[in-house]
Amino acid sequence: MLKSLITFLVVFFVIRLMGKRQIGEMQPFELVITLIVAEVACIPMNDPYIPLYYGIIPIVTLATLHIVLSFVMRKSIKARKFLSGSSVIVIDKTGIRYENLKKMNMNMDDLIEAVRTAGYVDFTEIAYAIFETNGQLCVVEKEKTAEPSDESEPKQTTLPLELVIDGKYIDKNLALAGAKKCDIENVLKEKKLKLSELLYCDVRQDGNAYFAPKRDQAFCGTLDISGGANW
């Protein structure tokens, strides 16, 4: 009982030293230290024959390491980049940056999930998307042009439906949208692209499609989805 209480107080003190951050806001080295502290703290509590200092000393050592590394990062930009890395742009005005996705060991599904979690479903609305060093995605919207308001006909909200990811068709979505593979391939042929070179493609209820090649600039097109369902 006493060992558990002392361990709790020590770990609580160490976590307070690390700052008021949530797990998702921690830098890589902070997350590693937190995980090790949690593991070390369990050692003396799980076995009554292990002295308390077997857990206290490593925890204090890790807390000291965190303080030292934080101080070094405040003083050195190079150390900051080495320990925390740099922000990575995954979407810019040319479209999705495939090479940067590979550097981060991410696939297109990971990016789609991150963008949706950030509150966006349409890549055409995004000017820039940047993964910060703590793993959070920062999204900058494109500037919206002013349109004449017509209260009698509110603008319809459209939800993009993925048709191609990583050069592979998503057959169930093609069937749902009523889109034809030949139409997509004709658009690619006009741009002198192969299907394997297409990173991502989606379509909206109005037929407007977004194409993001792996290495060329993204572009928009139109697909015939008159035979599809209203998803």
C-alpha atoms as a PDB file:
ATOM      1  CA  MET A   1       0.000   0.000   0.000  1.00  0.00           C
ATOM      2  CA  LEU A   2       2.716   2.447   1.024  1.00  0.00           C
ATOM      3  CA  LYS A   3       4.877   1.495  -1.979  1.00  0.00           C
ATOM      4  CA  SER A   4       1.974   2.153  -4.346  1.00  0.00           C
ATOM      5  CA  LEU A   5       1.275   5.549  -2.776  1.00  0.00           C
ATOM      6  CA  ILE A   6       4.927   6.637  -2.939  1.00  0.00           C
ATOM      7  CA  THR A   7       5.236   5.418  -6.541  1.00  0.00           C
ATOM      8  CA  PHE A   8       2.078   7.303  -7.501  1.00  0.00           C
ATOM      9  CA  LEU A   9       3.383  10.546  -5.974  1.00  0.00           C
ATOM     10  CA  VAL A  10       6.744  10.203  -7.719  1.00  0.00           C
ATOM     11  CA  VAL A  11       5.192   9.433 -11.121  1.00  0.00           C
ATOM     12  CA  PHE A  12       2.681  12.270 -10.654  1.00  0.00           C
ATOM     13  CA  PHE A  13       5.531  14.677  -9.913  1.00  0.00           C
ATOM     14  CA  VAL A  14       7.476  13.498 -12.978  1.00  0.00           C
ATOM     15  CA  ILE A  15       4.468  13.887 -15.293  1.00  0.00           C
ATOM     16  CA  ARG A  16       3.910  17.412 -13.967  1.00  0.00           C
ATOM     17  CA  LEU A  17       7.541  18.202 -14.756  1.00  0.00           C
ATOM     18  CA  MET A  18       6.954  17.116 -18.350  1.00  0.00           C
ATOM     19  CA  GLY A  19       4.234  19.741 -18.777  1.00  0.00           C
ATOM     20  CA  LYS A  20       0.487  19.717 -19.278  1.00  0.00           C
ATOM     21  CA  ARG A  21       0.250  17.832 -22.555  1.00  0.00           C
ATOM     22  CA  GLN A  22      -2.044  15.125 -23.739  1.00  0.00           C
ATOM     23  CA  ILE A  23      -0.537  11.926 -25.146  1.00  0.00           C
ATOM     24  CA  GLY A  24      -1.333  13.051 -28.708  1.00  0.00           C
ATOM     25  CA  GLU A  25       0.509  16.347 -28.190  1.00  0.00           C
ATOM     26  CA  MET A  26       3.790  14.868 -26.945  1.00  0.00           C
ATOM     27  CA  GLN A  27       7.006  14.970 -28.907  1.00  0.00           C
ATOM     28  CA  PRO A  28       8.516  11.534 -29.723  1.00  0.00           C
ATOM     29  CA  PHE A  29      11.122  11.612 -26.946  1.00  0.00           C
ATOM     30  CA  GLU A  30       8.488  12.676 -24.401  1.00  0.00           C
ATOM     31  CA  LEU A  31       6.227   9.790 -25.388  1.00  0.00           C
ATOM     32  CA  VAL A  32       9.130   7.315 -25.066  1.00  0.00           C
ATOM     33  CA  ILE A  33      10.001   8.611 -21.599  1.00  0.00           C
ATOM     34  CA  THR A  34       6.338   8.437 -20.527  1.00  0.00           C
ATOM     35  CA  LEU A  35       5.997   4.826 -21.669  1.00  0.00           C
ATOM     36  CA  ILE A  36       9.203   3.776 -19.906  1.00  0.00           C
ATOM     37  CA  VAL A  37       8.192   5.577 -16.696  1.00  0.00           C
ATOM     38  CA  ALA A  38       4.862   3.723 -16.722  1.00  0.00           C
ATOM     39  CA  GLU A  39       6.634   0.389 -17.182  1.00  0.00           C
ATOM     40  CA  VAL A  40       9.298   1.039 -14.539  1.00  0.00           C
ATOM     41  CA  ALA A  41       6.730   2.226 -11.996  1.00  0.00           C
ATOM     42  CA  CYS A  42       4.988  -1.164 -12.129  1.00  0.00           C
ATOM     43  CA  ILE A  43       8.091  -3.167 -11.222  1.00  0.00           C
ATOM     44  CA  PRO A  44       8.228  -2.527  -7.430  1.00  0.00           C
ATOM     45  CA  MET A  45       4.421  -2.515  -7.129  1.00  0.00           C
ATOM     46  CA  ASN A  46       3.968  -5.925  -8.750  1.00  0.00           C
ATOM     47  CA  ASP A  47       6.519  -7.720  -6.580  1.00  0.00           C
ATOM     48  CA  PRO A  48       6.638  -7.024  -2.809  1.00  0.00           C
ATOM     49  CA  TYR A  49      10.210  -8.407  -2.639  1.00  0.00           C
ATOM     50  CA  ILE A  50      11.611  -5.781  -5.033  1.00  0.00           C
ATOM     51  CA  PRO A  51      12.872  -2.695  -3.157  1.00  0.00           C
ATOM     52  CA  LEU A  52      11.039   0.549  -3.866  1.00  0.00           C
ATOM     53  CA  TYR A  53      14.183   2.319  -5.018  1.00  0.00           C
ATOM     54  CA  TYR A  54      14.430  -0.122  -7.964  1.00  0.00           C
ATOM     55  CA  GLY A  55      11.563   1.874  -9.472  1.00  0.00           C
ATOM     56  CA  ILE A  56      12.200   5.321  -7.957  1.00  0.00           C
ATOM     57  CA  ILE A  57      15.786   5.687  -9.205  1.00  0.00           C
ATOM     58  CA  PRO A  58      14.989   4.962 -12.908  1.00  0.00           C
ATOM     59  CA  ILE A  59      11.968   7.287 -12.751  1.00  0.00           C
ATOM     60  CA  VAL A  60      14.023  10.141 -11.310  1.00  0.00           C
ATOM     61  CA  THR A  61      16.740   9.444 -13.898  1.00  0.00           C
ATOM     62  CA  LEU A  62      14.205   9.642 -16.716  1.00  0.00           C
ATOM     63  CA  ALA A  63      12.766  12.863 -15.282  1.00  0.00           C
ATOM     64  CA  THR A  64      16.255  14.358 -15.198  1.00  0.00           C
ATOM     65  CA  LEU A  65      16.825  13.217 -18.785  1.00  0.00           C
ATOM     66  CA  HIS A  66      13.611  14.936 -19.862  1.00  0.00           C
ATOM     67  CA  ILE A  67      14.657  18.190 -18.204  1.00  0.00           C
ATOM     68  CA  VAL A  68      18.090  18.068 -19.834  1.00  0.00           C
ATOM     69  CA  LEU A  69      16.696  17.289 -23.297  1.00  0.00           C
ATOM     70  CA  SER A  70      14.059  20.031 -22.980  1.00  0.00           C
ATOM     71  CA  PHE A  71      16.783  22.524 -22.034  1.00  0.00           C
ATOM     72  CA  VAL A  72      18.978  21.462 -24.971  1.00  0.00           C
ATOM     73  CA  MET A  73      16.024  21.796 -27.352  1.00  0.00           C
ATOM     74  CA  ARG A  74      15.325  25.324 -26.161  1.00  0.00           C
ATOM     75  CA  LYS A  75      18.924  26.304 -26.840  1.00  0.00           C
ATOM     76  CA  SER A  76      19.602  24.443 -30.103  1.00  0.00           C
ATOM     77  CA  ILE A  77      17.523  24.328 -33.284  1.00  0.00           C
ATOM     78  CA  LYS A  78      19.573  21.370 -34.565  1.00  0.00           C
ATOM     79  CA  ALA A  79      18.851  19.386 -31.406  1.00  0.00           C
ATOM     80  CA  ARG A  80      15.163  20.291 -31.746  1.00  0.00           C
ATOM     81  CA  LYS A  81      15.038  18.930 -35.288  1.00  0.00           C
ATOM     82  CA  PHE A  82      16.971  15.793 -34.318  1.00  0.00           C
ATOM     83  CA  LEU A  83      14.790  14.935 -31.309  1.00  0.00           C
ATOM     84  CA  SER A  84      11.392  16.101 -32.559  1.00  0.00           C
ATOM     85  CA  GLY A  85      11.802  16.074 -36.321  1.00  0.00           C
ATOM     86  CA  SER A  86      10.273  18.636 -38.674  1.00  0.00           C
ATOM     87  CA  SER A  87       6.776  19.397 -39.865  1.00  0.00           C
ATOM     88  CA  VAL A  88       5.881  17.645 -43.123  1.00  0.00           C
ATOM     89  CA  ILE A  89       3.636  19.057 -45.855  1.00  0.00           C
ATOM     90  CA  VAL A  90       1.406  16.296 -47.234  1.00  0.00           C
ATOM     91  CA  ILE A  91      -0.936  18.485 -49.319  1.00  0.00           C
ATOM     92  CA  ASP A  92      -0.048  21.693 -51.121  1.00  0.00           C
ATOM     93  CA  LYS A  93      -1.298  23.633 -54.142  1.00  0.00           C
ATOM     94  CA  THR A  94      -0.045  20.899 -56.479  1.00  0.00           C
ATOM     95  CA  GLY A  95      -2.063  18.211 -54.648  1.00  0.00           C
ATOM     96  CA  ILE A  96      -1.092  15.288 -52.435  1.00  0.00           C
ATOM     97  CA  ARG A  97       2.649  14.932 -51.819  1.00  0.00           C
ATOM     98  CA  TYR A  98       3.191  11.212 -52.332  1.00  0.00           C
ATOM     99  CA  GLU A  99       6.921  11.323 -51.560  1.00  0.00           C
ATOM    100  CA  ASN A 100       6.266  12.954 -48.187  1.00  0.00           C
ATOM    101  CA  LEU A 101       3.662  10.326 -47.351  1.00  0.00           C
ATOM    102  CA  LYS A 102       6.266   7.634 -48.002  1.00  0.00           C
ATOM    103  CA  LYS A 103       8.775   9.407 -45.755  1.00  0.00           C
ATOM    104  CA  MET A 104       6.254   9.259 -42.928  1.00  0.00           C
ATOM    105  CA  ASN A 105       5.405   5.588 -43.612  1.00  0.00           C
ATOM    106  CA  MET A 106       1.798   6.584 -44.266  1.00  0.00           C
ATOM    107  CA  ASN A 107      -0.607   5.330 -46.900  1.00  0.00           C
ATOM    108  CA  MET A 108      -3.536   7.068 -48.541  1.00  0.00           C
ATOM    109  CA  ASP A 109      -6.063   5.583 -46.118  1.00  0.00           C
ATOM    110  CA  ASP A 110      -4.112   7.091 -43.207  1.00  0.00           C
ATOM    111  CA  LEU A 111      -4.230  10.511 -44.858  1.00  0.00           C
ATOM    112  CA  ILE A 112      -7.963  10.272 -45.590  1.00  0.00           C
ATOM    113  CA  GLU A 113      -8.628   9.375 -41.955  1.00  0.00           C
ATOM    114  CA  ALA A 114      -6.447  12.214 -40.660  1.00  0.00           C
ATOM    115  CA  VAL A 115      -8.102  14.766 -42.960  1.00  0.00           C
ATOM    116  CA  ARG A 116     -11.588  13.651 -41.916  1.00  0.00           C
ATOM    117  CA  THR A 117     -10.596  13.760 -38.245  1.00  0.00           C
ATOM    118  CA  ALA A 118      -9.493  17.358 -38.821  1.00  0.00           C
ATOM    119  CA  GLY A 119     -13.020  18.134 -40.051  1.00  0.00           C
ATOM    120  CA  TYR A 120     -12.608  17.950 -43.847  1.00  0.00           C
ATOM    121  CA  VAL A 121     -13.987  15.458 -46.346  1.00  0.00           C
ATOM    122  CA  ASP A 122     -13.100  17.146 -49.634  1.00  0.00           C
ATOM    123  CA  PHE A 123      -9.487  17.462 -50.795  1.00  0.00           C
ATOM    124  CA  THR A 124     -10.476  20.230 -53.221  1.00  0.00           C
ATOM    125  CA  GLU A 125     -11.187  22.507 -50.238  1.00  0.00           C
ATOM    126  CA  ILE A 126      -7.658  22.123 -48.835  1.00  0.00           C
ATOM    127  CA  ALA A 127      -4.802  24.424 -49.810  1.00  0.00           C
ATOM    128  CA  TYR A 128      -2.254  22.951 -47.405  1.00  0.00           C
ATOM    129  CA  ALA A 129      -2.159  20.073 -44.932  1.00  0.00           C
ATOM    130  CA  ILE A 130       0.820  19.779 -42.604  1.00  0.00           C
ATOM    131  CA  PHE A 131       1.666  17.042 -40.129  1.00  0.00           C
ATOM    132  CA  GLU A 132       3.253  18.662 -37.092  1.00  0.00           C
ATOM    133  CA  THR A 133       6.040  16.998 -35.118  1.00  0.00           C
ATOM    134  CA  ASN A 134       3.549  15.751 -32.499  1.00  0.00           C
ATOM    135  CA  GLY A 135       1.503  13.951 -35.160  1.00  0.00           C
ATOM    136  CA  GLN A 136      -1.350  16.465 -35.320  1.00  0.00           C
ATOM    137  CA  LEU A 137      -2.624  17.478 -38.779  1.00  0.00           C
ATOM    138  CA  CYS A 138      -2.931  21.205 -39.498  1.00  0.00           C
ATOM    139  CA  VAL A 139      -5.227  22.051 -42.434  1.00  0.00           C
ATOM    140  CA  VAL A 140      -5.354  25.378 -44.277  1.00  0.00           C
ATOM    141  CA  GLU A 141      -8.463  25.899 -46.383  1.00  0.00           C
ATOM    142  CA  LYS A 142      -8.486  27.362 -49.852  1.00  0.00           C
ATOM    143  CA  GLU A 143      -9.907  30.855 -50.151  1.00  0.00           C
ATOM    144  CA  LYS A 144     -13.548  30.674 -51.102  1.00  0.00           C
ATOM    145  CA  THR A 145     -14.730  32.992 -53.845  1.00  0.00           C
ATOM    146  CA  ALA A 146     -17.795  35.030 -53.022  1.00  0.00           C
ATOM    147  CA  GLU A 147     -20.897  33.775 -54.746  1.00  0.00           C
ATOM    148  CA  PRO A 148     -24.213  35.559 -55.143  1.00  0.00           C
ATOM    149  CA  SER A 149     -26.532  34.366 -52.400  1.00  0.00           C
ATOM    150  CA  ASP A 150     -29.757  32.671 -53.371  1.00  0.00           C
ATOM    151  CA  GLU A 151     -31.768  31.777 -50.299  1.00  0.00           C
ATOM    152  CA  SER A 152     -34.354  29.948 -52.382  1.00  0.00           C
ATOM    153  CA  GLU A 153     -31.783  27.381 -53.548  1.00  0.00           C
ATOM    154  CA  PRO A 154     -29.297  26.509 -50.806  1.00  0.00           C
ATOM    155  CA  LYS A 155     -26.043  24.987 -52.002  1.00  0.00           C
ATOM    156  CA  GLN A 156     -26.090  21.199 -51.893  1.00  0.00           C
ATOM    157  CA  THR A 157     -23.544  19.515 -49.656  1.00  0.00           C
ATOM    158  CA  THR A 158     -21.562  16.861 -51.506  1.00  0.00           C
ATOM    159  CA  LEU A 159     -19.628  13.941 -50.040  1.00  0.00           C
ATOM    160  CA  PRO A 160     -16.657  12.650 -52.060  1.00  0.00           C
ATOM    161  CA  LEU A 161     -16.634   8.909 -52.678  1.00  0.00           C
ATOM    162  CA  GLU A 162     -13.217   7.271 -53.156  1.00  0.00           C
ATOM    163  CA  LEU A 163     -12.903   5.438 -56.474  1.00  0.00           C
ATOM    164  CA  VAL A 164      -9.144   4.800 -56.709  1.00  0.00           C
ATOM    165  CA  ILE A 165      -6.563   4.506 -53.925  1.00  0.00           C
ATOM    166  CA  ASP A 166      -2.904   3.668 -54.596  1.00  0.00           C
ATOM    167  CA  GLY A 167      -3.591   2.776 -58.222  1.00  0.00           C
ATOM    168  CA  LYS A 168      -6.378   0.276 -57.393  1.00  0.00           C
ATOM    169  CA  TYR A 169     -10.081   0.573 -58.064  1.00  0.00           C
ATOM    170  CA  ILE A 170     -12.547   0.362 -55.175  1.00  0.00           C
ATOM    171  CA  ASP A 171     -15.194  -1.723 -56.903  1.00  0.00           C
ATOM    172  CA  LYS A 172     -17.962  -1.283 -54.338  1.00  0.00           C
ATOM    173  CA  ASN A 173     -17.662   2.513 -54.540  1.00  0.00           C
ATOM    174  CA  LEU A 174     -17.591   2.401 -58.340  1.00  0.00           C
ATOM    175  CA  ALA A 175     -20.846   0.446 -58.261  1.00  0.00           C
ATOM    176  CA  LEU A 176     -22.399   2.796 -55.709  1.00  0.00           C
ATOM    177  CA  ALA A 177     -21.479   5.898 -57.703  1.00  0.00           C
ATOM    178  CA  GLY A 178     -22.322   4.351 -61.052  1.00  0.00           C
ATOM    179  CA  ALA A 179     -18.887   5.376 -62.350  1.00  0.00           C
ATOM    180  CA  LYS A 180     -17.225   3.436 -65.152  1.00  0.00           C
ATOM    181  CA  LYS A 181     -13.586   2.404 -65.168  1.00  0.00           C
ATOM    182  CA  CYS A 182     -13.334   3.310 -68.849  1.00  0.00           C
ATOM    183  CA  ASP A 183     -14.315   6.926 -68.072  1.00  0.00           C
ATOM    184  CA  ILE A 184     -11.559   7.181 -65.478  1.00  0.00           C
ATOM    185  CA  GLU A 185      -9.046   5.609 -67.842  1.00  0.00           C
ATOM    186  CA  ASN A 186     -10.046   8.051 -70.603  1.00  0.00           C
ATOM    187  CA  VAL A 187      -9.343  10.980 -68.276  1.00  0.00           C
ATOM    188  CA  LEU A 188      -5.980   9.460 -67.387  1.00  0.00           C
ATOM    189  CA  LYS A 189      -5.179   8.887 -71.048  1.00  0.00           C
ATOM    190  CA  GLU A 190      -5.749  12.575 -71.780  1.00  0.00           C
ATOM    191  CA  LYS A 191      -3.225  13.395 -69.040  1.00  0.00           C
ATOM    192  CA  LYS A 192      -0.844  10.662 -70.289  1.00  0.00           C
ATOM    193  CA  LEU A 193      -1.068   8.810 -66.999  1.00  0.00           C
ATOM    194  CA  LYS A 194      -1.392   5.149 -66.134  1.00  0.00           C
ATOM    195  CA  LEU A 195      -3.708   3.811 -63.441  1.00  0.00           C
ATOM    196  CA  SER A 196      -0.688   2.667 -61.407  1.00  0.00           C
ATOM    197  CA  GLU A 197       0.495   6.301 -61.346  1.00  0.00           C
ATOM    198  CA  LEU A 198      -2.772   7.517 -59.807  1.00  0.00           C
ATOM    199  CA  LEU A 199      -2.563   7.878 -56.030  1.00  0.00           C
ATOM    200  CA  TYR A 200      -6.146   8.914 -55.396  1.00  0.00           C
ATOM    201  CA  CYS A 201      -9.418   9.666 -57.173  1.00  0.00           C
ATOM    202  CA  ASP A 202     -12.853  10.528 -55.841  1.00  0.00           C
ATOM    203  CA  VAL A 203     -16.181  11.720 -57.199  1.00  0.00           C
ATOM    204  CA  ARG A 204     -19.031  13.827 -55.832  1.00  0.00           C
ATOM    205  CA  GLN A 205     -22.787  13.585 -56.328  1.00  0.00           C
ATOM    206  CA  ASP A 206     -22.599  16.263 -59.031  1.00  0.00           C
ATOM    207  CA  GLY A 207     -20.085  14.230 -61.064  1.00  0.00           C
ATOM    208  CA  ASN A 208     -17.077  16.415 -60.300  1.00  0.00           C
ATOM    209  CA  ALA A 209     -14.011  14.239 -59.710  1.00  0.00           C
ATOM    210  CA  TYR A 210     -10.639  14.886 -58.111  1.00  0.00           C
ATOM    211  CA  PHE A 211      -7.506  13.146 -59.422  1.00  0.00           C
ATOM    212  CA  ALA A 212      -4.217  13.112 -57.500  1.00  0.00           C
ATOM    213  CA  PRO A 213      -1.306  11.460 -59.350  1.00  0.00           C
ATOM    214  CA  LYS A 214       1.646  10.205 -57.347  1.00  0.00           C
ATOM    215  CA  ARG A 215       4.128  12.598 -58.893  1.00  0.00           C
ATOM    216  CA  ASP A 216       2.217  15.052 -61.088  1.00  0.00           C
ATOM    217  CA  GLN A 217      -0.042  17.934 -60.182  1.00  0.00           C
ATOM    218  CA  ALA A 218      -3.575  17.145 -59.023  1.00  0.00           C
ATOM    219  CA  PHE A 219      -6.449  18.068 -61.327  1.00  0.00           C
ATOM    220  CA  CYS A 220     -10.236  17.951 -61.496  1.00  0.00           C
ATOM    221  CA  GLY A 221     -12.472  16.285 -64.060  1.00  0.00           C
ATOM    222  CA  THR A 222     -16.021  15.145 -64.677  1.00  0.00           C
ATOM    223  CA  LEU A 223     -17.390  11.605 -64.606  1.00  0.00           C
ATOM    224  CA  ASP A 224     -20.752  10.292 -65.770  1.00  0.00           C
ATOM    225  CA  ILE A 225     -22.497   8.935 -62.660  1.00  0.00           C
ATOM    226  CA  SER A 226     -26.068   9.225 -63.903  1.00  0.00           C
ATOM    227  CA  GLY A 227     -26.637   5.519 -63.210  1.00  0.00           C
ATOM    228  CA  GLY A 228     -25.398   5.629 -59.623  1.00  0.00           C
ATOM    229  CA  ALA A 229     -27.184   5.788 -56.308  1.00  0.00           C
ATOM    230  CA  ASN A 230     -27.542   8.977 -54.285  1.00  0.00           C
ATOM    231  CA  TRP A 231     -25.112   8.192 -51.489  1.00  0.00           C
END
